[in-house]
């Protein structure tokens, strides 16, 4: 898994005019989306590992259900974060439209 690749905050930044600031905000949404994708992938791998362990009689059905419940809770939180990111994108778009009119 790779880490976000943002520019050094003190060297090489473009001028922080309104448009560039809004673009950085959109880029931050993209980085958060990438992080959420990694979380979702890890949860999928957790389910696969639990099913494989169940097939080898290493886990009981109750334990597999507990893993499933845990994954469900994590994905609910991912969905909540996705909704907040959608609000952020909508706000950035509104601000961008206001900047374009100026």
N, C-alpha and C. Protein backbone atom coordinates (compact mmCIF):
# COMPACT_ATOMS: atom_id res chain seq x y z
N UNK A 1 0.85 -1.17 0.00
CA UNK A 1 0.00 0.00 0.00
C UNK A 1 0.89 1.23 0.00
N UNK A 2 0.55 2.22 -0.81
CA UNK A 2 1.37 3.41 -0.91
C UNK A 2 0.81 4.52 -0.03
N UNK A 3 1.67 5.44 0.32
CA UNK A 3 1.27 6.59 1.11
C UNK A 3 0.91 7.74 0.20
N UNK A 4 0.09 8.68 0.68
CA UNK A 4 -0.25 9.84 -0.14
C UNK A 4 1.00 10.61 -0.54
N UNK A 5 0.97 11.18 -1.71
CA UNK A 5 2.13 11.89 -2.23
C UNK A 5 1.77 13.36 -2.43
N UNK A 6 1.69 14.09 -1.32
CA UNK A 6 1.42 15.52 -1.40
C UNK A 6 2.74 16.27 -1.44
N UNK A 7 2.75 17.45 -2.03
CA UNK A 7 3.99 18.23 -2.05
C UNK A 7 4.37 18.66 -0.63
N UNK A 8 5.67 18.86 -0.43
CA UNK A 8 6.16 19.39 0.84
C UNK A 8 5.45 20.72 1.09
N UNK A 9 4.86 20.91 2.27
CA UNK A 9 4.07 22.13 2.48
C UNK A 9 4.86 23.43 2.42
N UNK A 10 6.17 23.37 2.48
CA UNK A 10 6.93 24.61 2.49
C UNK A 10 7.77 24.82 1.24
N UNK A 11 7.85 23.84 0.37
CA UNK A 11 8.70 23.96 -0.82
C UNK A 11 7.92 23.51 -2.05
N UNK A 12 7.96 24.32 -3.05
CA UNK A 12 7.40 23.92 -4.33
C UNK A 12 5.89 24.01 -4.46
N UNK A 13 5.22 24.67 -3.52
CA UNK A 13 3.78 24.82 -3.66
C UNK A 13 3.47 25.87 -4.72
N UNK A 14 2.44 25.61 -5.50
CA UNK A 14 2.01 26.67 -6.41
C UNK A 14 1.40 27.81 -5.59
N UNK A 15 1.20 28.93 -6.22
CA UNK A 15 0.59 30.04 -5.48
C UNK A 15 -0.79 29.60 -4.99
N UNK A 16 -1.10 29.95 -3.78
CA UNK A 16 -2.36 29.50 -3.18
C UNK A 16 -3.47 30.51 -3.43
N UNK A 17 -3.81 30.65 -4.70
CA UNK A 17 -4.97 31.48 -5.01
C UNK A 17 -6.24 30.66 -4.76
N UNK A 18 -7.37 31.24 -4.97
CA UNK A 18 -8.63 30.56 -4.66
C UNK A 18 -8.80 29.28 -5.48
N UNK A 19 -8.46 29.33 -6.74
CA UNK A 19 -8.64 28.16 -7.60
C UNK A 19 -7.73 27.01 -7.16
N UNK A 20 -6.46 27.31 -6.90
CA UNK A 20 -5.54 26.26 -6.48
C UNK A 20 -5.93 25.68 -5.13
N UNK A 21 -6.43 26.53 -4.24
CA UNK A 21 -6.89 26.04 -2.93
C UNK A 21 -8.04 25.07 -3.10
N UNK A 22 -8.98 25.39 -3.97
CA UNK A 22 -10.11 24.49 -4.21
C UNK A 22 -9.64 23.18 -4.85
N UNK A 23 -8.67 23.27 -5.74
CA UNK A 23 -8.14 22.05 -6.35
C UNK A 23 -7.43 21.18 -5.31
N UNK A 24 -6.72 21.80 -4.37
CA UNK A 24 -6.10 21.03 -3.29
C UNK A 24 -7.15 20.36 -2.43
N UNK A 25 -8.27 21.05 -2.19
CA UNK A 25 -9.36 20.43 -1.42
C UNK A 25 -9.91 19.21 -2.15
N UNK A 26 -10.07 19.32 -3.47
CA UNK A 26 -10.53 18.16 -4.24
C UNK A 26 -9.51 17.04 -4.22
N UNK A 27 -8.23 17.39 -4.27
CA UNK A 27 -7.19 16.37 -4.19
C UNK A 27 -7.22 15.67 -2.84
N UNK A 28 -7.53 16.41 -1.80
CA UNK A 28 -7.61 15.79 -0.47
C UNK A 28 -8.76 14.79 -0.42
N UNK A 29 -9.85 15.08 -1.12
CA UNK A 29 -10.96 14.12 -1.20
C UNK A 29 -10.48 12.85 -1.90
N UNK A 30 -9.74 13.02 -2.97
CA UNK A 30 -9.21 11.86 -3.69
C UNK A 30 -8.32 11.01 -2.80
N UNK A 31 -7.49 11.65 -1.99
CA UNK A 31 -6.61 10.91 -1.09
C UNK A 31 -7.42 10.15 -0.04
N UNK A 32 -8.47 10.79 0.48
CA UNK A 32 -9.32 10.11 1.46
C UNK A 32 -10.06 8.93 0.82
N UNK A 33 -10.48 9.11 -0.43
CA UNK A 33 -11.15 8.01 -1.14
C UNK A 33 -10.19 6.83 -1.31
N UNK A 34 -8.93 7.13 -1.61
CA UNK A 34 -7.93 6.07 -1.75
C UNK A 34 -7.76 5.33 -0.42
N UNK A 35 -7.71 6.07 0.66
CA UNK A 35 -7.57 5.44 1.98
C UNK A 35 -8.78 4.56 2.28
N UNK A 36 -9.97 5.02 1.95
CA UNK A 36 -11.17 4.21 2.17
C UNK A 36 -11.16 2.96 1.30
N UNK A 37 -10.63 3.07 0.09
CA UNK A 37 -10.52 1.89 -0.77
C UNK A 37 -9.60 0.85 -0.15
N UNK A 38 -8.51 1.30 0.47
CA UNK A 38 -7.60 0.37 1.13
C UNK A 38 -8.29 -0.30 2.33
N UNK A 39 -9.07 0.47 3.06
CA UNK A 39 -9.81 -0.10 4.20
C UNK A 39 -10.80 -1.15 3.71
N UNK A 40 -11.53 -0.84 2.65
CA UNK A 40 -12.51 -1.80 2.13
C UNK A 40 -11.83 -3.06 1.62
N UNK A 41 -10.68 -2.90 0.99
CA UNK A 41 -9.94 -4.06 0.51
C UNK A 41 -9.50 -4.94 1.68
N UNK A 42 -9.01 -4.30 2.74
CA UNK A 42 -8.57 -5.05 3.92
C UNK A 42 -9.74 -5.81 4.55
N UNK A 43 -10.90 -5.20 4.56
CA UNK A 43 -12.07 -5.88 5.12
C UNK A 43 -12.48 -7.07 4.26
N UNK A 44 -12.35 -6.93 2.95
CA UNK A 44 -12.63 -8.07 2.07
C UNK A 44 -11.67 -9.21 2.32
N UNK A 45 -10.40 -8.87 2.51
CA UNK A 45 -9.40 -9.90 2.81
C UNK A 45 -9.67 -10.55 4.16
N UNK A 46 -10.19 -9.78 5.10
CA UNK A 46 -10.53 -10.33 6.42
C UNK A 46 -11.63 -11.39 6.29
N UNK A 47 -12.64 -11.08 5.47
CA UNK A 47 -13.73 -12.04 5.24
C UNK A 47 -13.18 -13.30 4.55
N UNK A 48 -12.34 -13.11 3.53
CA UNK A 48 -11.76 -14.26 2.83
C UNK A 48 -10.96 -15.14 3.79
N UNK A 49 -10.19 -14.52 4.68
CA UNK A 49 -9.39 -15.29 5.64
C UNK A 49 -10.29 -16.04 6.61
N UNK A 50 -11.36 -15.41 7.02
CA UNK A 50 -12.29 -16.07 7.95
C UNK A 50 -12.97 -17.26 7.29
N UNK A 51 -13.37 -17.11 6.05
CA UNK A 51 -14.01 -18.22 5.33
C UNK A 51 -13.02 -19.36 5.13
N UNK A 52 -11.79 -19.02 4.76
CA UNK A 52 -10.76 -20.07 4.58
C UNK A 52 -10.51 -20.79 5.90
N UNK A 53 -10.45 -20.06 6.99
CA UNK A 53 -10.24 -20.69 8.31
C UNK A 53 -11.43 -21.56 8.69
N UNK A 54 -12.62 -21.13 8.34
CA UNK A 54 -13.82 -21.92 8.63
C UNK A 54 -13.80 -23.23 7.84
N UNK A 55 -13.37 -23.14 6.58
CA UNK A 55 -13.32 -24.35 5.74
C UNK A 55 -12.29 -25.35 6.27
N UNK A 56 -11.28 -24.86 6.97
CA UNK A 56 -10.26 -25.75 7.55
C UNK A 56 -10.61 -26.14 8.98
N UNK A 57 -11.81 -25.82 9.41
CA UNK A 57 -12.30 -26.10 10.76
C UNK A 57 -11.48 -25.39 11.84
N UNK A 58 -10.93 -24.24 11.51
CA UNK A 58 -10.19 -23.45 12.50
C UNK A 58 -11.08 -22.42 13.20
N UNK A 59 -12.21 -22.11 12.58
CA UNK A 59 -13.17 -21.17 13.15
C UNK A 59 -14.55 -21.81 13.19
N UNK A 60 -15.31 -21.41 14.18
CA UNK A 60 -16.71 -21.87 14.25
C UNK A 60 -17.57 -20.91 13.44
N UNK A 61 -18.79 -21.32 13.19
CA UNK A 61 -19.71 -20.45 12.45
C UNK A 61 -19.99 -19.17 13.23
N UNK A 62 -20.01 -19.28 14.56
CA UNK A 62 -20.23 -18.10 15.39
C UNK A 62 -19.09 -17.10 15.24
N UNK A 63 -17.87 -17.61 15.13
CA UNK A 63 -16.72 -16.74 14.96
C UNK A 63 -16.73 -16.08 13.58
N UNK A 64 -17.15 -16.82 12.57
CA UNK A 64 -17.26 -16.24 11.23
C UNK A 64 -18.33 -15.14 11.23
N UNK A 65 -19.42 -15.39 11.91
CA UNK A 65 -20.49 -14.39 12.00
C UNK A 65 -19.98 -13.15 12.75
N UNK A 66 -19.16 -13.36 13.78
CA UNK A 66 -18.59 -12.23 14.52
C UNK A 66 -17.67 -11.40 13.61
N UNK A 67 -16.88 -12.08 12.78
CA UNK A 67 -16.02 -11.36 11.82
C UNK A 67 -16.89 -10.58 10.85
N UNK A 68 -17.94 -11.20 10.37
CA UNK A 68 -18.86 -10.54 9.45
C UNK A 68 -19.48 -9.30 10.09
N UNK A 69 -19.89 -9.41 11.34
CA UNK A 69 -20.48 -8.27 12.05
C UNK A 69 -19.47 -7.13 12.19
N UNK A 70 -18.22 -7.49 12.48
CA UNK A 70 -17.17 -6.49 12.59
C UNK A 70 -16.94 -5.79 11.26
N UNK A 71 -16.88 -6.54 10.19
CA UNK A 71 -16.71 -5.96 8.85
C UNK A 71 -17.89 -5.06 8.53
N UNK A 72 -19.08 -5.49 8.89
CA UNK A 72 -20.28 -4.69 8.66
C UNK A 72 -20.18 -3.35 9.37
N UNK A 73 -19.71 -3.35 10.62
CA UNK A 73 -19.55 -2.11 11.37
C UNK A 73 -18.53 -1.18 10.71
N UNK A 74 -17.43 -1.74 10.27
CA UNK A 74 -16.40 -0.93 9.60
C UNK A 74 -16.96 -0.33 8.31
N UNK A 75 -17.67 -1.12 7.54
CA UNK A 75 -18.21 -0.61 6.27
C UNK A 75 -19.28 0.45 6.50
N UNK A 76 -20.04 0.34 7.59
CA UNK A 76 -20.99 1.40 7.92
C UNK A 76 -20.26 2.72 8.15
N UNK A 77 -19.12 2.65 8.85
CA UNK A 77 -18.33 3.86 9.07
C UNK A 77 -17.73 4.39 7.79
N UNK A 78 -17.34 3.50 6.88
CA UNK A 78 -16.84 3.93 5.57
C UNK A 78 -17.93 4.67 4.82
N UNK A 79 -19.15 4.16 4.87
CA UNK A 79 -20.27 4.82 4.20
C UNK A 79 -20.51 6.22 4.78
N UNK A 80 -20.43 6.34 6.11
CA UNK A 80 -20.59 7.65 6.75
C UNK A 80 -19.53 8.62 6.25
N UNK A 81 -18.30 8.14 6.16
CA UNK A 81 -17.21 8.98 5.67
C UNK A 81 -17.44 9.37 4.21
N UNK A 82 -17.94 8.44 3.41
CA UNK A 82 -18.25 8.73 2.01
C UNK A 82 -19.29 9.86 1.90
N UNK A 83 -20.27 9.83 2.79
CA UNK A 83 -21.29 10.88 2.76
C UNK A 83 -20.67 12.24 3.10
N UNK A 84 -19.78 12.28 4.09
CA UNK A 84 -19.11 13.53 4.44
C UNK A 84 -18.24 14.03 3.28
N UNK A 85 -17.58 13.10 2.61
CA UNK A 85 -16.77 13.50 1.45
C UNK A 85 -17.64 14.06 0.33
N UNK A 86 -18.82 13.49 0.15
CA UNK A 86 -19.73 14.00 -0.87
C UNK A 86 -20.13 15.44 -0.54
N UNK A 87 -20.41 15.71 0.73
CA UNK A 87 -20.73 17.09 1.14
C UNK A 87 -19.55 18.01 0.86
N UNK A 88 -18.34 17.54 1.13
CA UNK A 88 -17.14 18.34 0.90
C UNK A 88 -16.99 18.66 -0.58
N UNK A 89 -17.20 17.67 -1.43
CA UNK A 89 -17.10 17.88 -2.88
C UNK A 89 -18.15 18.89 -3.34
N UNK A 90 -19.37 18.74 -2.85
CA UNK A 90 -20.44 19.67 -3.24
C UNK A 90 -20.11 21.09 -2.81
N UNK A 91 -19.55 21.25 -1.61
CA UNK A 91 -19.15 22.58 -1.15
C UNK A 91 -18.04 23.16 -2.01
N UNK A 92 -17.07 22.34 -2.37
CA UNK A 92 -15.97 22.81 -3.22
C UNK A 92 -16.50 23.22 -4.59
N UNK A 93 -17.42 22.45 -5.14
CA UNK A 93 -17.99 22.80 -6.44
C UNK A 93 -18.73 24.12 -6.37
N UNK A 94 -19.51 24.32 -5.31
CA UNK A 94 -20.22 25.59 -5.14
C UNK A 94 -19.24 26.76 -5.05
N UNK A 95 -18.19 26.59 -4.27
CA UNK A 95 -17.19 27.65 -4.14
C UNK A 95 -16.47 27.89 -5.46
N UNK A 96 -16.18 26.81 -6.20
CA UNK A 96 -15.50 26.95 -7.48
C UNK A 96 -16.36 27.75 -8.45
N UNK A 97 -17.66 27.48 -8.45
CA UNK A 97 -18.55 28.23 -9.33
C UNK A 97 -18.59 29.70 -8.97
N UNK A 98 -18.50 30.01 -7.66
CA UNK A 98 -18.48 31.40 -7.23
C UNK A 98 -17.18 32.08 -7.65
N UNK A 99 -16.08 31.35 -7.56
CA UNK A 99 -14.78 31.90 -7.95
C UNK A 99 -14.75 32.16 -9.45
N UNK A 100 -15.33 31.24 -10.23
CA UNK A 100 -15.33 31.39 -11.68
C UNK A 100 -16.13 32.62 -12.12
N UNK A 101 -17.14 33.00 -11.35
CA UNK A 101 -17.96 34.17 -11.71
C UNK A 101 -17.21 35.47 -11.48
N UNK A 102 -16.24 35.46 -10.58
CA UNK A 102 -15.48 36.68 -10.25
C UNK A 102 -14.48 37.02 -11.32
